[in-house]
PDB file of all heavy atoms in Angstrom:
ATOM      1  N   PHE A   1      20.787 -61.610 105.473  1.00  0.00           N
ATOM      2  CA  PHE A   1      19.596 -60.779 105.583  1.00  0.00           C
ATOM      3  C   PHE A   1      19.574 -59.714 104.490  1.00  0.00           C
ATOM      4  O   PHE A   1      18.568 -59.498 103.820  1.00  0.00           O
ATOM      5  CB  PHE A   1      19.536 -60.125 106.963  1.00  0.00           C
ATOM      6  CG  PHE A   1      18.441 -59.113 107.083  1.00  0.00           C
ATOM      7  CD1 PHE A   1      17.135 -59.509 107.334  1.00  0.00           C
ATOM      8  CD2 PHE A   1      18.708 -57.766 106.912  1.00  0.00           C
ATOM      9  CE1 PHE A   1      16.116 -58.571 107.418  1.00  0.00           C
ATOM     10  CE2 PHE A   1      17.702 -56.825 107.005  1.00  0.00           C
ATOM     11  CZ  PHE A   1      16.398 -57.233 107.261  1.00  0.00           C
ATOM     12  N   PHE A   2      20.709 -59.026 104.312  1.00  0.00           N
ATOM     13  CA  PHE A   2      20.777 -57.966 103.300  1.00  0.00           C
ATOM     14  C   PHE A   2      20.671 -58.545 101.888  1.00  0.00           C
ATOM     15  O   PHE A   2      20.177 -57.886 100.971  1.00  0.00           O
ATOM     16  CB  PHE A   2      22.059 -57.147 103.467  1.00  0.00           C
ATOM     17  CG  PHE A   2      22.066 -56.300 104.713  1.00  0.00           C
ATOM     18  CD1 PHE A   2      23.067 -56.424 105.658  1.00  0.00           C
ATOM     19  CD2 PHE A   2      21.038 -55.395 104.954  1.00  0.00           C
ATOM     20  CE1 PHE A   2      23.053 -55.661 106.815  1.00  0.00           C
ATOM     21  CE2 PHE A   2      21.020 -54.618 106.110  1.00  0.00           C
ATOM     22  CZ  PHE A   2      22.026 -54.755 107.037  1.00  0.00           C
ATOM     23  N   LYS A   3      21.122 -59.782 101.724  1.00  0.00           N
ATOM     24  CA  LYS A   3      20.965 -60.453 100.434  1.00  0.00           C
ATOM     25  C   LYS A   3      19.486 -60.686 100.153  1.00  0.00           C
ATOM     26  O   LYS A   3      19.014 -60.524  99.015  1.00  0.00           O
ATOM     27  CB  LYS A   3      21.721 -61.792 100.442  1.00  0.00           C
ATOM     28  CG  LYS A   3      21.622 -62.573  99.135  1.00  0.00           C
ATOM     29  CD  LYS A   3      22.270 -61.817  97.976  1.00  0.00           C
ATOM     30  CE  LYS A   3      22.238 -62.636  96.700  1.00  0.00           C
ATOM     31  NZ  LYS A   3      22.781 -61.896  95.547  1.00  0.00           N
ATOM     32  N   THR A   4      18.738 -61.053 101.193  1.00  0.00           N
ATOM     33  CA  THR A   4      17.294 -61.243 101.052  1.00  0.00           C
ATOM     34  C   THR A   4      16.622 -59.938 100.630  1.00  0.00           C
ATOM     35  O   THR A   4      15.758 -59.922  99.746  1.00  0.00           O
ATOM     36  CB  THR A   4      16.682 -61.724 102.384  1.00  0.00           C
ATOM     37  OG1 THR A   4      17.238 -62.999 102.707  1.00  0.00           O
ATOM     38  CG2 THR A   4      15.172 -61.843 102.283  1.00  0.00           C
ATOM     39  N   ILE A   5      17.020 -58.836 101.244  1.00  0.00           N
ATOM     40  CA  ILE A   5      16.439 -57.536 100.892  1.00  0.00           C
ATOM     41  C   ILE A   5      16.753 -57.186  99.439  1.00  0.00           C
ATOM     42  O   ILE A   5      15.893 -56.673  98.713  1.00  0.00           O
ATOM     43  CB  ILE A   5      16.954 -56.432 101.841  1.00  0.00           C
ATOM     44  CG1 ILE A   5      16.352 -56.628 103.234  1.00  0.00           C
ATOM     45  CG2 ILE A   5      16.604 -55.050 101.312  1.00  0.00           C
ATOM     46  CD1 ILE A   5      16.714 -55.552 104.233  1.00  0.00           C
ATOM     47  N   GLU A   6      17.979 -57.472  99.003  1.00  0.00           N
ATOM     48  CA  GLU A   6      18.343 -57.193  97.608  1.00  0.00           C
ATOM     49  C   GLU A   6      17.473 -57.994  96.652  1.00  0.00           C
ATOM     50  O   GLU A   6      17.036 -57.490  95.608  1.00  0.00           O
ATOM     51  CB  GLU A   6      19.828 -57.515  97.377  1.00  0.00           C
ATOM     52  CG  GLU A   6      20.778 -56.492  97.960  1.00  0.00           C
ATOM     53  CD  GLU A   6      20.519 -55.092  97.421  1.00  0.00           C
ATOM     54  OE1 GLU A   6      20.375 -54.939  96.186  1.00  0.00           O
ATOM     55  OE2 GLU A   6      20.441 -54.155  98.233  1.00  0.00           O
ATOM     56  N   ASN A   7      17.199 -59.253  96.997  1.00  0.00           N
ATOM     57  CA  ASN A   7      16.331 -60.081  96.151  1.00  0.00           C
ATOM     58  C   ASN A   7      14.910 -59.528  96.109  1.00  0.00           C
ATOM     59  O   ASN A   7      14.254 -59.530  95.062  1.00  0.00           O
ATOM     60  CB  ASN A   7      16.329 -61.530  96.661  1.00  0.00           C
ATOM     61  CG  ASN A   7      17.646 -62.236  96.426  1.00  0.00           C
ATOM     62  OD1 ASN A   7      18.393 -61.876  95.525  1.00  0.00           O
ATOM     63  ND2 ASN A   7      17.953 -63.227  97.236  1.00  0.00           N
ATOM     64  N   LEU A   8      14.428 -59.054  97.256  1.00  0.00           N
ATOM     65  CA  LEU A   8      13.091 -58.449  97.303  1.00  0.00           C
ATOM     66  C   LEU A   8      13.035 -57.169  96.460  1.00  0.00           C
ATOM     67  O   LEU A   8      12.025 -56.887  95.816  1.00  0.00           O
ATOM     68  CB  LEU A   8      12.705 -58.137  98.758  1.00  0.00           C
ATOM     69  CG  LEU A   8      12.432 -59.341  99.663  1.00  0.00           C
ATOM     70  CD1 LEU A   8      12.193 -58.884 101.097  1.00  0.00           C
ATOM     71  CD2 LEU A   8      11.242 -60.141  99.153  1.00  0.00           C
ATOM     72  N   LYS A   9      14.114 -56.408  96.481  1.00  0.00           N
ATOM     73  CA  LYS A   9      14.163 -55.174  95.684  1.00  0.00           C
ATOM     74  C   LYS A   9      14.069 -55.480  94.189  1.00  0.00           C
ATOM     75  O   LYS A   9      13.423 -54.751  93.433  1.00  0.00           O
ATOM     76  CB  LYS A   9      15.458 -54.409  95.979  1.00  0.00           C
ATOM     77  CG  LYS A   9      15.446 -53.692  97.321  1.00  0.00           C
ATOM     78  CD  LYS A   9      16.759 -52.965  97.558  1.00  0.00           C
ATOM     79  CE  LYS A   9      16.755 -52.244  98.892  1.00  0.00           C
ATOM     80  NZ  LYS A   9      18.050 -51.565  99.162  1.00  0.00           N
ATOM     81  N   LYS A  10      14.711 -56.564  93.761  1.00  0.00           N
ATOM     82  CA  LYS A  10      14.650 -56.949  92.348  1.00  0.00           C
ATOM     83  C   LYS A  10      13.230 -57.325  91.954  1.00  0.00           C
ATOM     84  O   LYS A  10      12.755 -56.975  90.868  1.00  0.00           O
ATOM     85  CB  LYS A  10      15.611 -58.116  92.086  1.00  0.00           C
ATOM     86  CG  LYS A  10      17.083 -57.724  92.190  1.00  0.00           C
ATOM     87  CD  LYS A  10      17.990 -58.946  92.045  1.00  0.00           C
ATOM     88  CE  LYS A  10      19.455 -58.559  92.224  1.00  0.00           C
ATOM     89  NZ  LYS A  10      20.363 -59.729  92.163  1.00  0.00           N
ATOM     90  N   THR A  11      12.555 -58.051  92.852  1.00  0.00           N
ATOM     91  CA  THR A  11      11.155 -58.396  92.599  1.00  0.00           C
ATOM     92  C   THR A  11      10.304 -57.141  92.543  1.00  0.00           C
ATOM     93  O   THR A  11       9.409 -56.998  91.693  1.00  0.00           O
ATOM     94  CB  THR A  11      10.630 -59.335  93.710  1.00  0.00           C
ATOM     95  OG1 THR A  11      11.455 -60.502  93.764  1.00  0.00           O
ATOM     96  CG2 THR A  11       9.186 -59.736  93.445  1.00  0.00           C
ATOM     97  N   ASN A  12      10.586 -56.205  93.439  1.00  0.00           N
ATOM     98  CA  ASN A  12       9.848 -54.942  93.477  1.00  0.00           C
ATOM     99  C   ASN A  12      10.034 -54.147  92.190  1.00  0.00           C
ATOM    100  O   ASN A  12       9.106 -53.480  91.706  1.00  0.00           O
ATOM    101  CB  ASN A  12      10.306 -54.119  94.675  1.00  0.00           C
ATOM    102  CG  ASN A  12       9.436 -52.908  94.917  1.00  0.00           C
ATOM    103  OD1 ASN A  12       8.238 -53.023  95.190  1.00  0.00           O
ATOM    104  ND2 ASN A  12      10.010 -51.724  94.800  1.00  0.00           N
ATOM    105  N   ASP A  13      11.230 -54.213  91.623  1.00  0.00           N
ATOM    106  CA  ASP A  13      11.501 -53.513  90.358  1.00  0.00           C
ATOM    107  C   ASP A  13      10.596 -54.039  89.240  1.00  0.00           C
ATOM    108  O   ASP A  13      10.139 -53.274  88.383  1.00  0.00           O
ATOM    109  CB  ASP A  13      12.968 -53.676  89.954  1.00  0.00           C
ATOM    110  CG  ASP A  13      13.911 -52.870  90.846  1.00  0.00           C
ATOM    111  OD1 ASP A  13      13.429 -51.930  91.509  1.00  0.00           O
ATOM    112  OD2 ASP A  13      15.114 -53.193  90.871  1.00  0.00           O
ATOM    113  N   VAL A  14      10.365 -55.352  89.240  1.00  0.00           N
ATOM    114  CA  VAL A  14       9.482 -55.952  88.231  1.00  0.00           C
ATOM    115  C   VAL A  14       8.057 -55.414  88.393  1.00  0.00           C
ATOM    116  O   VAL A  14       7.401 -55.024  87.422  1.00  0.00           O
ATOM    117  CB  VAL A  14       9.488 -57.496  88.352  1.00  0.00           C
ATOM    118  CG1 VAL A  14       8.462 -58.097  87.384  1.00  0.00           C
ATOM    119  CG2 VAL A  14      10.874 -58.047  88.064  1.00  0.00           C
ATOM    120  N   VAL A  15       7.581 -55.379  89.649  1.00  0.00           N
ATOM    121  CA  VAL A  15       6.231 -54.862  89.908  1.00  0.00           C
ATOM    122  C   VAL A  15       6.136 -53.402  89.480  1.00  0.00           C
ATOM    123  O   VAL A  15       5.164 -52.982  88.837  1.00  0.00           O
ATOM    124  CB  VAL A  15       5.873 -55.004  91.407  1.00  0.00           C
ATOM    125  CG1 VAL A  15       4.513 -54.368  91.699  1.00  0.00           C
ATOM    126  CG2 VAL A  15       5.869 -56.472  91.818  1.00  0.00           C
ATOM    127  N   ASN A  16       7.163 -52.606  89.803  1.00  0.00           N
ATOM    128  CA  ASN A  16       7.169 -51.188  89.432  1.00  0.00           C
ATOM    129  C   ASN A  16       7.098 -50.998  87.914  1.00  0.00           C
ATOM    130  O   ASN A  16       6.487 -50.046  87.424  1.00  0.00           O
ATOM    131  CB  ASN A  16       8.420 -50.495  89.973  1.00  0.00           C
ATOM    132  CG  ASN A  16       8.312 -50.190  91.451  1.00  0.00           C
ATOM    133  OD1 ASN A  16       7.206 -50.093  91.995  1.00  0.00           O
ATOM    134  ND2 ASN A  16       9.443 -50.044  92.115  1.00  0.00           N
ATOM    135  N   TYR A  17       7.733 -51.910  87.181  1.00  0.00           N
ATOM    136  CA  TYR A  17       7.703 -51.841  85.718  1.00  0.00           C
ATOM    137  C   TYR A  17       6.267 -51.928  85.210  1.00  0.00           C
ATOM    138  O   TYR A  17       5.847 -51.139  84.344  1.00  0.00           O
ATOM    139  CB  TYR A  17       8.553 -52.975  85.133  1.00  0.00           C
ATOM    140  CG  TYR A  17       8.444 -53.105  83.635  1.00  0.00           C
ATOM    141  CD1 TYR A  17       9.212 -52.306  82.795  1.00  0.00           C
ATOM    142  CD2 TYR A  17       7.569 -54.033  83.057  1.00  0.00           C
ATOM    143  CE1 TYR A  17       9.113 -52.419  81.412  1.00  0.00           C
ATOM    144  CE2 TYR A  17       7.464 -54.155  81.679  1.00  0.00           C
ATOM    145  CZ  TYR A  17       8.239 -53.344  80.859  1.00  0.00           C
ATOM    146  OH  TYR A  17       8.125 -53.462  79.494  1.00  0.00           O
ATOM    147  N   TYR A  18       5.508 -52.865  85.751  1.00  0.00           N
ATOM    148  CA  TYR A  18       4.133 -53.047  85.289  1.00  0.00           C
ATOM    149  C   TYR A  18       3.198 -51.967  85.824  1.00  0.00           C
ATOM    150  O   TYR A  18       2.205 -51.616  85.182  1.00  0.00           O
ATOM    151  CB  TYR A  18       3.640 -54.448  85.662  1.00  0.00           C
ATOM    152  CG  TYR A  18       4.272 -55.517  84.798  1.00  0.00           C
ATOM    153  CD1 TYR A  18       5.294 -56.323  85.289  1.00  0.00           C
ATOM    154  CD2 TYR A  18       3.868 -55.685  83.471  1.00  0.00           C
ATOM    155  CE1 TYR A  18       5.898 -57.280  84.482  1.00  0.00           C
ATOM    156  CE2 TYR A  18       4.464 -56.640  82.663  1.00  0.00           C
ATOM    157  CZ  TYR A  18       5.481 -57.434  83.165  1.00  0.00           C
ATOM    158  OH  TYR A  18       6.076 -58.374  82.360  1.00  0.00           O
ATOM    159  N   VAL A  19       3.521 -51.412  86.975  1.00  0.00           N
ATOM    160  CA  VAL A  19       2.760 -50.267  87.490  1.00  0.00           C
ATOM    161  C   VAL A  19       2.927 -49.074  86.547  1.00  0.00           C
ATOM    162  O   VAL A  19       1.961 -48.394  86.196  1.00  0.00           O
ATOM    163  CB  VAL A  19       3.226 -49.889  88.915  1.00  0.00           C
ATOM    164  CG1 VAL A  19       2.637 -48.542  89.345  1.00  0.00           C
ATOM    165  CG2 VAL A  19       2.822 -50.969  89.910  1.00  0.00           C
ATOM    166  N   LYS A  20       4.165 -48.837  86.140  1.00  0.00           N
ATOM    167  CA  LYS A  20       4.445 -47.738  85.217  1.00  0.00           C
ATOM    168  C   LYS A  20       3.694 -47.926  83.905  1.00  0.00           C
ATOM    169  O   LYS A  20       3.108 -46.979  83.354  1.00  0.00           O
ATOM    170  CB  LYS A  20       5.959 -47.658  84.955  1.00  0.00           C
ATOM    171  CG  LYS A  20       6.361 -46.491  84.059  1.00  0.00           C
ATOM    172  CD  LYS A  20       7.869 -46.469  83.848  1.00  0.00           C
ATOM    173  CE  LYS A  20       8.273 -45.327  82.907  1.00  0.00           C
ATOM    174  NZ  LYS A  20       9.741 -45.320  82.657  1.00  0.00           N
ATOM    175  N   LYS A  21       3.690 -49.162  83.393  1.00  0.00           N
ATOM    176  CA  LYS A  21       2.977 -49.455  82.155  1.00  0.00           C
ATOM    177  C   LYS A  21       1.477 -49.211  82.315  1.00  0.00           C
ATOM    178  O   LYS A  21       0.820 -48.678  81.414  1.00  0.00           O
ATOM    179  CB  LYS A  21       3.237 -50.912  81.731  1.00  0.00           C
ATOM    180  CG  LYS A  21       4.613 -51.171  81.163  1.00  0.00           C
ATOM    181  CD  LYS A  21       4.801 -50.452  79.843  1.00  0.00           C
ATOM    182  CE  LYS A  21       6.160 -50.749  79.239  1.00  0.00           C
ATOM    183  NZ  LYS A  21       6.362 -49.995  77.970  1.00  0.00           N
ATOM    184  N   ASN A  22       0.936 -49.627  83.455  1.00  0.00           N
ATOM    185  CA  ASN A  22      -0.492 -49.438  83.703  1.00  0.00           C
ATOM    186  C   ASN A  22      -0.850 -47.953  83.727  1.00  0.00           C
ATOM    187  O   ASN A  22      -1.854 -47.530  83.148  1.00  0.00           O
ATOM    188  CB  ASN A  22      -0.877 -50.096  85.028  1.00  0.00           C
ATOM    189  CG  ASN A  22      -2.381 -50.184  85.220  1.00  0.00           C
ATOM    190  OD1 ASN A  22      -3.144 -50.325  84.260  1.00  0.00           O
ATOM    191  ND2 ASN A  22      -2.814 -50.110  86.470  1.00  0.00           N
ATOM    192  N   LEU A  23      -0.028 -47.164  84.382  1.00  0.00           N
ATOM    193  CA  LEU A  23      -0.271 -45.722  84.465  1.00  0.00           C
ATOM    194  C   LEU A  23      -0.132 -45.064  83.093  1.00  0.00           C
ATOM    195  O   LEU A  23      -0.918 -44.173  82.728  1.00  0.00           O
ATOM    196  CB  LEU A  23       0.699 -45.087  85.462  1.00  0.00           C
ATOM    197  CG  LEU A  23       0.459 -45.441  86.938  1.00  0.00           C
ATOM    198  CD1 LEU A  23       1.641 -45.004  87.795  1.00  0.00           C
ATOM    199  CD2 LEU A  23      -0.824 -44.794  87.436  1.00  0.00           C
ATOM    200  N   GLU A  24       0.856 -45.499  82.335  1.00  0.00           N
ATOM    201  CA  GLU A  24       1.078 -44.922  80.999  1.00  0.00           C
ATOM    202  C   GLU A  24      -0.058 -45.262  80.034  1.00  0.00           C
ATOM    203  O   GLU A  24      -0.514 -44.412  79.268  1.00  0.00           O
ATOM    204  CB  GLU A  24       2.404 -45.423  80.421  1.00  0.00           C
ATOM    205  CG  GLU A  24       3.636 -44.829  81.084  1.00  0.00           C
ATOM    206  CD  GLU A  24       4.916 -45.441  80.546  1.00  0.00           C
ATOM    207  OE1 GLU A  24       4.835 -46.448  79.791  1.00  0.00           O
ATOM    208  OE2 GLU A  24       6.002 -44.928  80.875  1.00  0.00           O
ATOM    209  N   ASN A  25      -0.506 -46.510  80.083  1.00  0.00           N
ATOM    210  CA  ASN A  25      -1.476 -46.991  79.097  1.00  0.00           C
ATOM    211  C   ASN A  25      -2.930 -46.747  79.490  1.00  0.00           C
ATOM    212  O   ASN A  25      -3.798 -46.639  78.617  1.00  0.00           O
ATOM    213  CB  ASN A  25      -1.277 -48.491  78.842  1.00  0.00           C
ATOM    214  CG  ASN A  25       0.096 -48.808  78.268  1.00  0.00           C
ATOM    215  OD1 ASN A  25       0.716 -47.963  77.623  1.00  0.00           O
ATOM    216  ND2 ASN A  25       0.580 -50.016  78.510  1.00  0.00           N
ATOM    217  N   ASN A  26      -3.202 -46.669  80.775  1.00  0.00           N
ATOM    218  CA  ASN A  26      -4.600 -46.665  81.207  1.00  0.00           C
ATOM    219  C   ASN A  26      -5.003 -45.472  82.071  1.00  0.00           C
ATOM    220  O   ASN A  26      -6.026 -45.511  82.762  1.00  0.00           O
ATOM    221  CB  ASN A  26      -4.904 -47.960  81.960  1.00  0.00           C
ATOM    222  CG  ASN A  26      -4.674 -49.178  81.088  1.00  0.00           C
ATOM    223  OD1 ASN A  26      -5.100 -49.236  79.935  1.00  0.00           O
ATOM    224  ND2 ASN A  26      -3.962 -50.165  81.632  1.00  0.00           N
ATOM    225  N   SER A  27      -4.215 -44.415  82.053  1.00  0.00           N
ATOM    226  CA  SER A  27      -4.597 -43.197  82.762  1.00  0.00           C
ATOM    227  C   SER A  27      -4.237 -41.974  81.928  1.00  0.00           C
ATOM    228  O   SER A  27      -3.318 -42.022  81.102  1.00  0.00           O
ATOM    229  CB  SER A  27      -3.912 -43.119  84.129  1.00  0.00           C
ATOM    230  OG  SER A  27      -2.520 -42.906  83.995  1.00  0.00           O
ATOM    231  N   PHE A  28      -4.969 -40.905  82.174  1.00  0.00           N
ATOM    232  CA  PHE A  28      -4.728 -39.659  81.434  1.00  0.00           C
ATOM    233  C   PHE A  28      -5.005 -38.480  82.350  1.00  0.00           C
ATOM    234  O   PHE A  28      -6.040 -38.435  83.013  1.00  0.00           O
ATOM    235  CB  PHE A  28      -5.633 -39.571  80.202  1.00  0.00           C
ATOM    236  CG  PHE A  28      -5.609 -38.218  79.531  1.00  0.00           C
ATOM    237  CD1 PHE A  28      -4.534 -37.840  78.748  1.00  0.00           C
ATOM    238  CD2 PHE A  28      -6.664 -37.320  79.704  1.00  0.00           C
ATOM    239  CE1 PHE A  28      -4.502 -36.595  78.141  1.00  0.00           C
ATOM    240  CE2 PHE A  28      -6.641 -36.075  79.095  1.00  0.00           C
ATOM    241  CZ  PHE A  28      -5.555 -35.712  78.310  1.00  0.00           C
ATOM    242  N   PHE A  29      -4.067 -37.535  82.413  1.00  0.00           N
ATOM    243  CA  PHE A  29      -4.265 -36.352  83.248  1.00  0.00           C
ATOM    244  C   PHE A  29      -4.696 -35.165  82.404  1.00  0.00           C
ATOM    245  O   PHE A  29      -4.032 -34.796  81.436  1.00  0.00           O
ATOM    246  CB  PHE A  29      -2.979 -35.997  84.002  1.00  0.00           C
ATOM    247  CG  PHE A  29      -3.138 -34.830  84.940  1.00  0.00           C
ATOM    248  CD1 PHE A  29      -3.877 -34.977  86.114  1.00  0.00           C
ATOM    249  CD2 PHE A  29      -2.582 -33.590  84.652  1.00  0.00           C
ATOM    250  CE1 PHE A  29      -4.034 -33.912  86.984  1.00  0.00           C
ATOM    251  CE2 PHE A  29      -2.737 -32.526  85.515  1.00  0.00           C
ATOM    252  CZ  PHE A  29      -3.472 -32.684  86.693  1.00  0.00           C
ATOM    253  N   SER A  30      -5.818 -34.588  82.766  1.00  0.00           N
ATOM    254  CA  SER A  30      -6.330 -33.403  82.080  1.00  0.00           C
ATOM    255  C   SER A  30      -5.764 -32.154  82.746  1.00  0.00           C
ATOM    256  O   SER A  30      -6.100 -31.843  83.888  1.00  0.00           O
ATOM    257  CB  SER A  30      -7.862 -33.373  82.146  1.00  0.00           C
ATOM    258  OG  SER A  30      -8.344 -32.144  81.650  1.00  0.00           O
ATOM    259  N   HIS A  31      -4.897 -31.444  82.038  1.00  0.00           N
ATOM    260  CA  HIS A  31      -4.284 -30.234  82.597  1.00  0.00           C
ATOM    261  C   HIS A  31      -5.281 -29.090  82.707  1.00  0.00           C
ATOM    262  O   HIS A  31      -5.106 -28.202  83.540  1.00  0.00           O
ATOM    263  CB  HIS A  31      -3.088 -29.812  81.745  1.00  0.00           C
ATOM    264  CG  HIS A  31      -1.928 -30.761  81.833  1.00  0.00           C
ATOM    265  ND1 HIS A  31      -1.017 -30.734  82.869  1.00  0.00           N
ATOM    266  CD2 HIS A  31      -1.552 -31.787  81.021  1.00  0.00           C
ATOM    267  CE1 HIS A  31      -0.122 -31.684  82.681  1.00  0.00           C
ATOM    268  NE2 HIS A  31      -0.416 -32.340  81.570  1.00  0.00           N
ATOM    269  N   THR A  32      -6.300 -29.113  81.878  1.00  0.00           N
ATOM    270  CA  THR A  32      -7.305 -28.047  81.933  1.00  0.00           C
ATOM    271  C   THR A  32      -8.243 -28.227  83.127  1.00  0.00           C
ATOM    272  O   THR A  32      -8.540 -27.289  83.855  1.00  0.00           O
ATOM    273  CB  THR A  32      -8.127 -27.996  80.630  1.00  0.00           C
ATOM    274  OG1 THR A  32      -8.677 -29.299  80.373  1.00  0.00           O
ATOM    275  CG2 THR A  32      -7.234 -27.584  79.466  1.00  0.00           C
ATOM    276  N   LYS A  33      -8.687 -29.464  83.345  1.00  0.00           N
ATOM    277  CA  LYS A  33      -9.608 -29.726  84.455  1.00  0.00           C
ATOM    278  C   LYS A  33      -8.894 -30.184  85.736  1.00  0.00           C
ATOM    279  O   LYS A  33      -9.524 -30.329  86.788  1.00  0.00           O
ATOM    280  CB  LYS A  33     -10.619 -30.786  84.030  1.00  0.00           C
ATOM    281  CG  LYS A  33     -11.531 -30.319  82.903  1.00  0.00           C
ATOM    282  CD  LYS A  33     -12.584 -31.370  82.588  1.00  0.00           C
ATOM    283  CE  LYS A  33     -13.532 -30.884  81.495  1.00  0.00           C
ATOM    284  NZ  LYS A  33     -14.590 -31.886  81.186  1.00  0.00           N
ATOM    285  N   LYS A  34      -7.583 -30.414  85.620  1.00  0.00           N
ATOM    286  CA  LYS A  34      -6.777 -30.811  86.776  1.00  0.00           C
ATOM    287  C   LYS A  34      -7.269 -32.105  87.434  1.00  0.00           C
ATOM    288  O   LYS A  34      -7.294 -32.226  88.664  1.00  0.00           O
ATOM    289  CB  LYS A  34      -6.743 -29.685  87.822  1.00  0.00           C
ATOM    290  CG  LYS A  34      -6.239 -28.351  87.315  1.00  0.00           C
ATOM    291  CD  LYS A  34      -4.781 -28.445  86.893  1.00  0.00           C
ATOM    292  CE  LYS A  34      -4.277 -27.082  86.403  1.00  0.00           C
ATOM    293  NZ  LYS A  34      -2.893 -27.165  85.897  1.00  0.00           N
ATOM    294  N   HIS A  35      -7.693 -33.051  86.627  1.00  0.00           N
ATOM    295  CA  HIS A  35      -8.059 -34.337  87.213  1.00  0.00           C
ATOM    296  C   HIS A  35      -7.471 -35.491  86.397  1.00  0.00           C
ATOM    297  O   HIS A  35      -7.104 -35.336  85.235  1.00  0.00           O
ATOM    298  CB  HIS A  35      -9.576 -34.481  87.383  1.00  0.00           C
ATOM    299  CG  HIS A  35     -10.364 -34.426  86.109  1.00  0.00           C
ATOM    300  ND1 HIS A  35     -11.600 -33.832  86.026  1.00  0.00           N
ATOM    301  CD2 HIS A  35     -10.110 -34.892  84.859  1.00  0.00           C
ATOM    302  CE1 HIS A  35     -12.067 -33.940  84.792  1.00  0.00           C
ATOM    303  NE2 HIS A  35     -11.185 -34.582  84.084  1.00  0.00           N
ATOM    304  N   LEU A  36      -7.390 -36.650  87.062  1.00  0.00           N
ATOM    305  CA  LEU A  36      -6.798 -37.836  86.461  1.00  0.00           C
ATOM    306  C   LEU A  36      -7.907 -38.810  86.088  1.00  0.00           C
ATOM    307  O   LEU A  36      -8.791 -39.096  86.893  1.00  0.00           O
ATOM    308  CB  LEU A  36      -5.838 -38.493  87.458  1.00  0.00           C
ATOM    309  CG  LEU A  36      -4.969 -39.648  86.939  1.00  0.00           C
ATOM    310  CD1 LEU A  36      -3.958 -39.139  85.921  1.00  0.00           C
ATOM    311  CD2 LEU A  36      -4.233 -40.313  88.110  1.00  0.00           C
ATOM    312  N   ILE A  37      -7.837 -39.308  84.859  1.00  0.00           N
ATOM    313  CA  ILE A  37      -8.862 -40.215  84.354  1.00  0.00           C
ATOM    314  C   ILE A  37      -8.281 -41.623  84.226  1.00  0.00           C
ATOM    315  O   ILE A  37      -7.241 -41.825  83.599  1.00  0.00           O
ATOM    316  CB  ILE A  37      -9.376 -39.745  82.975  1.00  0.00           C
ATOM    317  CG1 ILE A  37      -9.923 -38.319  83.076  1.00  0.00           C
ATOM    318  CG2 ILE A  37     -10.439 -40.697  82.437  1.00  0.00           C
ATOM    319  CD1 ILE A  37     -10.202 -37.682  81.724  1.00  0.00           C
ATOM    320  N   LEU A  38      -8.957 -42.593  84.841  1.00  0.00           N
ATOM    321  CA  LEU A  38      -8.536 -43.988  84.788  1.00  0.00           C
ATOM    322  C   LEU A  38      -9.567 -44.791  84.002  1.00  0.00           C
ATOM    323  O   LEU A  38     -10.757 -44.778  84.346  1.00  0.00           O
ATOM    324  CB  LEU A  38      -8.413 -44.565  86.204  1.00  0.00           C
ATOM    325  CG  LEU A  38      -7.693 -43.709  87.252  1.00  0.00           C
ATOM    326  CD1 LEU A  38      -7.714 -44.407  88.608  1.00  0.00           C
ATOM    327  CD2 LEU A  38      -6.252 -43.420  86.820  1.00  0.00           C
ATOM    328  N   ASN A  39      -9.115 -45.491  82.951  1.00  0.00           N
ATOM    329  CA  ASN A  39     -10.081 -46.285  82.169  1.00  0.00           C
ATOM    330  C   ASN A  39     -10.328 -47.643  82.822  1.00  0.00           C
ATOM    331  O   ASN A  39      -9.687 -48.002  83.823  1.00  0.00           O
ATOM    332  CB  ASN A  39      -9.626 -46.419  80.705  1.00  0.00           C
ATOM    333  CG  ASN A  39      -8.336 -47.217  80.552  1.00  0.00           C
ATOM    334  OD1 ASN A  39      -8.051 -48.124  81.326  1.00  0.00           O
ATOM    335  ND2 ASN A  39      -7.551 -46.872  79.539  1.00  0.00           N
ATOM    336  N   ASP A  40     -11.242 -48.422  82.263  1.00  0.00           N
ATOM    337  CA  ASP A  40     -11.631 -49.690  82.895  1.00  0.00           C
ATOM    338  C   ASP A  40     -10.492 -50.713  82.918  1.00  0.00           C
ATOM    339  O   ASP A  40     -10.420 -51.580  83.799  1.00  0.00           O
ATOM    340  CB  ASP A  40     -12.876 -50.270  82.221  1.00  0.00           C
ATOM    341  CG  ASP A  40     -12.635 -50.589  80.752  1.00  0.00           C
ATOM    342  OD1 ASP A  40     -11.782 -49.918  80.129  1.00  0.00           O
ATOM    343  OD2 ASP A  40     -13.292 -51.508  80.237  1.00  0.00           O
ATOM    344  N   LYS A  41      -9.543 -50.630  81.943  1.00  0.00           N
ATOM    345  CA  LYS A  41      -8.421 -51.575  81.914  1.00  0.00           C
ATOM    346  C   LYS A  41      -7.478 -51.354  83.092  1.00  0.00           C
ATOM    347  O   LYS A  41      -6.740 -52.266  83.487  1.00  0.00           O
ATOM    348  CB  LYS A  41      -7.654 -51.432  80.600  1.00  0.00           C
ATOM    349  CG  LYS A  41      -8.430 -51.906  79.380  1.00  0.00           C
ATOM    350  CD  LYS A  41      -7.585 -51.777  78.122  1.00  0.00           C
ATOM    351  CE  LYS A  41      -8.364 -52.246  76.892  1.00  0.00           C
ATOM    352  NZ  LYS A  41      -7.566 -52.086  75.649  1.00  0.00           N
ATOM    353  N   PHE A  42      -7.494 -50.142  83.641  1.00  0.00           N
ATOM    354  CA  PHE A  42      -6.655 -49.805  84.789  1.00  0.00           C
ATOM    355  C   PHE A  42      -6.888 -50.782  85.933  1.00  0.00           C
ATOM    356  O   PHE A  42      -5.948 -51.197  86.624  1.00  0.00           O
ATOM    357  CB  PHE A  42      -6.986 -48.370  85.240  1.00  0.00           C
ATOM    358  CG  PHE A  42      -6.129 -47.846  86.369  1.00  0.00           C
ATOM    359  CD1 PHE A  42      -5.029 -47.038  86.116  1.00  0.00           C
ATOM    360  CD2 PHE A  42      -6.428 -48.138  87.695  1.00  0.00           C
ATOM    361  CE1 PHE A  42      -4.255 -46.541  87.152  1.00  0.00           C
ATOM    362  CE2 PHE A  42      -5.662 -47.648  88.738  1.00  0.00           C
ATOM    363  CZ  PHE A  42      -4.568 -46.846  88.466  1.00  0.00           C
TER     364      PHE A  42
END
């Protein structure tokens, strides 16, 4: 069972990698207006 969870965690790490890339490439936080901007590629 715990081996299954470890395998799921590895898969989750892959998804997290692409989530991070999406946030880095397709979002921008305005410190002056205090809001987050998401472009259409997001």
